[in-house]
Amino acid sequence: MGNRLTQIATRTGDAGTTGLGNNHRVSKNSLRVHAMGDVDELNSHIGLLLCEEMPADLRALLVEIQHQLFNLGGELSIPGYELLKAEAVLALDEALARYNEQLPRLVEFILPAGNRAAAQAHVCRTVARRAERQVVALGNEEAINEAPRQYLNRLSDLMFVLARVLNRMHGGDDIYWKSERLRQAGTV
């Protein structure tokens, strides 16, 4: 990734191709470009989530995730290159355990709702799942490292947990799906 952008409007993509980090051109509809785009979209949604009020430790975690997603995108843009390290996956595992530990046990599925920060975390969760599916599809066609797939899998789980944490920030709670099971049990 020695080349840095100095000009944004190059017009080199007008024919439906884009340049990878290794200077090869591929279709903008390739699996690799779809995966890169979904990771970029996820990073943008996390940037939007960072506009919300949240504890400093959570903010620092999300900023670090943005950096790691940039590494992941860079790795996807250079076939055969490794930028995202296994330590990044372990850091998500640790954050997942730390934040999940403080939450009550779920009794049913929850809706992707609540306060605006929690709802945005759910958007991040779903985009992470889509990015993960794209990386899996790419891995079915080309050799890729394990860390990108693992990172996106853990990140989607973490965003679910963080949505629950953010819903509780000001005394809120999860919004449970009004399932038949809960209705029969008399809890909704």
Protein backbone atom coordinates (compact mmCIF):
# COMPACT_ATOMS: atom_id res chain seq x y z
CA MET A 1 0.00 0.00 0.00
CA GLY A 2 2.81 2.34 -0.83
CA ASN A 3 0.66 4.46 -3.14
CA ARG A 4 -1.46 7.06 -1.39
CA LEU A 5 -4.33 8.92 -2.95
CA THR A 6 -3.37 12.37 -4.14
CA GLN A 7 -6.24 12.79 -6.56
CA ILE A 8 -9.77 11.54 -5.84
CA ALA A 9 -11.47 11.95 -9.22
CA THR A 10 -9.15 9.92 -11.46
CA ARG A 11 -11.84 8.65 -13.88
CA THR A 12 -9.98 5.32 -14.02
CA GLY A 13 -13.11 3.54 -12.77
CA ASP A 14 -15.41 4.87 -15.47
CA ALA A 15 -15.22 1.56 -17.34
CA GLY A 16 -16.47 -0.43 -14.32
CA THR A 17 -13.14 -1.52 -12.89
CA THR A 18 -11.20 -0.48 -9.83
CA GLY A 19 -7.57 -0.77 -8.81
CA LEU A 20 -6.49 -3.02 -5.97
CA GLY A 21 -3.57 -2.27 -3.69
CA ASN A 22 -1.33 -4.50 -5.80
CA ASN A 23 -2.07 -2.35 -8.91
CA HIS A 24 -4.28 -5.02 -10.53
CA ARG A 25 -7.63 -3.88 -11.91
CA VAL A 26 -10.79 -5.87 -11.20
CA SER A 27 -14.49 -5.47 -11.87
CA LYS A 28 -16.28 -3.24 -9.39
CA ASN A 29 -18.73 -6.14 -9.10
CA SER A 30 -16.12 -8.69 -7.99
CA LEU A 31 -16.48 -10.53 -4.68
CA ARG A 32 -13.35 -8.82 -3.40
CA VAL A 33 -14.70 -5.35 -4.14
CA HIS A 34 -18.06 -6.23 -2.56
CA ALA A 35 -16.26 -7.39 0.60
CA MET A 36 -14.12 -4.23 0.66
CA GLY A 37 -17.21 -2.07 0.20
CA ASP A 38 -19.12 -3.77 3.00
CA VAL A 39 -16.17 -3.33 5.37
CA ASP A 40 -15.96 0.34 4.37
CA GLU A 41 -19.71 0.76 4.94
CA LEU A 42 -19.38 -0.88 8.36
CA ASN A 43 -16.57 1.50 9.28
CA SER A 44 -18.74 4.45 8.21
CA HIS A 45 -21.65 3.22 10.34
CA ILE A 46 -19.32 2.92 13.33
CA GLY A 47 -18.24 6.50 12.63
CA LEU A 48 -21.90 7.50 12.82
CA LEU A 49 -22.29 5.57 16.08
CA LEU A 50 -19.34 7.53 17.47
CA CYS A 51 -21.41 10.72 17.09
CA GLU A 52 -23.56 9.47 19.99
CA GLU A 53 -22.92 9.94 23.69
CA MET A 54 -21.14 6.97 25.27
CA PRO A 55 -18.60 6.12 27.97
CA ALA A 56 -14.95 6.88 27.15
CA ASP A 57 -13.90 3.22 27.25
CA LEU A 58 -16.54 2.27 24.72
CA ARG A 59 -15.57 5.20 22.49
CA ALA A 60 -11.90 4.14 22.61
CA LEU A 61 -12.89 0.57 21.71
CA LEU A 62 -14.90 1.71 18.69
CA VAL A 63 -12.08 3.96 17.46
CA GLU A 64 -9.67 1.02 17.69
CA ILE A 65 -12.18 -1.12 15.78
CA GLN A 66 -12.26 1.52 13.04
CA HIS A 67 -8.48 1.28 12.72
CA GLN A 68 -8.66 -2.52 12.56
CA LEU A 69 -11.41 -2.35 9.93
CA PHE A 70 -9.12 -0.14 7.88
CA ASN A 71 -6.45 -2.85 8.22
CA LEU A 72 -9.02 -5.44 7.18
CA GLY A 73 -10.01 -3.40 4.13
CA GLY A 74 -6.36 -2.93 3.23
CA GLU A 75 -5.78 -6.66 3.50
CA LEU A 76 -8.74 -7.34 1.23
CA SER A 77 -7.39 -4.84 -1.29
CA ILE A 78 -4.03 -6.63 -1.55
CA PRO A 79 -4.52 -10.33 -2.33
CA GLY A 80 -2.13 -12.50 -0.33
CA TYR A 81 -1.17 -9.74 2.12
CA GLU A 82 -1.77 -9.78 5.90
CA LEU A 83 -2.61 -6.57 7.77
CA LEU A 84 -5.21 -7.74 10.29
CA LYS A 85 -3.49 -9.75 13.03
CA ALA A 86 -4.88 -12.53 15.22
CA GLU A 87 -4.38 -10.20 18.20
CA ALA A 88 -7.18 -7.99 16.85
CA VAL A 89 -9.58 -10.95 17.02
CA LEU A 90 -8.44 -11.69 20.59
CA ALA A 91 -9.06 -8.06 21.56
CA LEU A 92 -12.65 -8.40 20.35
CA ASP A 93 -13.04 -11.62 22.34
CA GLU A 94 -11.86 -9.82 25.47
CA ALA A 95 -14.18 -6.85 24.90
CA LEU A 96 -17.08 -9.19 24.21
CA ALA A 97 -16.51 -11.02 27.51
CA ARG A 98 -16.06 -7.78 29.46
CA TYR A 99 -19.20 -6.04 28.19
CA ASN A 100 -21.39 -9.15 28.10
CA GLU A 101 -20.54 -9.94 31.72
CA GLN A 102 -22.41 -6.86 32.94
CA LEU A 103 -25.64 -7.67 31.07
CA PRO A 104 -28.63 -9.66 32.31
CA ARG A 105 -29.37 -12.99 30.66
CA LEU A 106 -31.63 -12.73 27.61
CA VAL A 107 -35.07 -14.32 27.97
CA GLU A 108 -36.07 -13.94 24.31
CA PHE A 109 -34.95 -12.31 21.09
CA ILE A 110 -34.69 -8.55 21.23
CA LEU A 111 -35.70 -6.01 18.63
CA PRO A 112 -33.03 -3.83 17.01
CA ALA A 113 -34.37 -0.78 18.80
CA GLY A 114 -34.13 1.33 21.92
CA ASN A 115 -32.23 4.57 22.02
CA ARG A 116 -30.55 5.96 18.90
CA ALA A 117 -27.06 4.75 19.85
CA ALA A 118 -28.31 1.20 20.45
CA ALA A 119 -30.25 1.21 17.19
CA GLN A 120 -27.12 2.37 15.33
CA ALA A 121 -25.10 -0.40 17.01
CA HIS A 122 -27.66 -2.87 15.62
CA VAL A 123 -27.16 -1.38 12.15
CA CYS A 124 -23.42 -1.94 12.62
CA ARG A 125 -24.16 -5.54 13.67
CA THR A 126 -26.15 -6.28 10.52
CA VAL A 127 -23.60 -4.64 8.21
CA ALA A 128 -20.85 -6.66 9.94
CA ARG A 129 -22.81 -9.85 9.20
CA ARG A 130 -23.17 -8.85 5.55
CA ALA A 131 -19.45 -8.07 5.33
CA GLU A 132 -18.73 -11.44 6.91
CA ARG A 133 -20.89 -13.19 4.29
CA GLN A 134 -19.00 -11.38 1.53
CA VAL A 135 -15.64 -12.37 3.01
CA VAL A 136 -16.81 -15.98 3.27
CA ALA A 137 -17.95 -15.88 -0.38
CA LEU A 138 -14.58 -14.45 -1.40
CA GLY A 139 -12.81 -17.15 0.62
CA ASN A 140 -14.77 -19.80 -1.28
CA GLU A 141 -13.27 -18.48 -4.53
CA GLU A 142 -9.81 -17.28 -3.49
CA ALA A 143 -7.35 -17.98 -0.70
CA ILE A 144 -7.71 -15.44 2.11
CA ASN A 145 -6.46 -15.31 5.68
CA GLU A 146 -8.69 -16.46 8.56
CA ALA A 147 -8.49 -13.27 10.62
CA PRO A 148 -10.80 -11.13 8.42
CA ARG A 149 -13.64 -13.66 8.63
CA GLN A 150 -13.10 -14.25 12.34
CA TYR A 151 -12.86 -10.53 13.09
CA LEU A 152 -16.17 -9.75 11.38
CA ASN A 153 -17.86 -12.67 13.11
CA ARG A 154 -16.73 -11.48 16.55
CA LEU A 155 -17.46 -7.86 15.71
CA SER A 156 -21.09 -8.58 14.84
CA ASP A 157 -21.48 -10.37 18.19
CA LEU A 158 -19.82 -7.48 19.98
CA MET A 159 -22.08 -4.92 18.30
CA PHE A 160 -25.11 -6.88 19.56
CA VAL A 161 -23.73 -6.75 23.09
CA LEU A 162 -22.82 -3.07 22.77
CA ALA A 163 -26.36 -2.29 21.60
CA ARG A 164 -27.61 -3.81 24.85
CA VAL A 165 -25.02 -1.84 26.84
CA LEU A 166 -25.98 1.40 25.08
CA ASN A 167 -29.69 0.79 25.73
CA ARG A 168 -28.92 0.71 29.45
CA MET A 169 -26.84 3.89 29.44
CA HIS A 170 -29.67 6.09 30.75
CA GLY A 171 -31.77 3.50 32.53
CA GLY A 172 -33.24 1.90 29.41
CA ASP A 173 -33.55 -1.78 28.65
CA ASP A 174 -33.79 -4.25 25.81
CA ILE A 175 -36.99 -4.29 23.81
CA TYR A 176 -38.10 -7.89 23.69
CA TRP A 177 -39.87 -9.47 20.76
CA LYS A 178 -43.43 -10.22 21.77
CA SER A 179 -43.18 -13.92 21.07
CA GLU A 180 -45.93 -16.42 21.61
CA ARG A 181 -43.74 -18.20 24.19
CA LEU A 182 -43.39 -15.06 26.30
CA ARG A 183 -47.07 -14.23 25.90
CA GLN A 184 -48.04 -17.68 27.20
CA ALA A 185 -45.62 -17.28 30.10
CA GLY A 186 -47.23 -13.94 30.91
CA THR A 187 -44.02 -11.91 30.68
CA VAL A 188 -45.13 -9.59 27.85
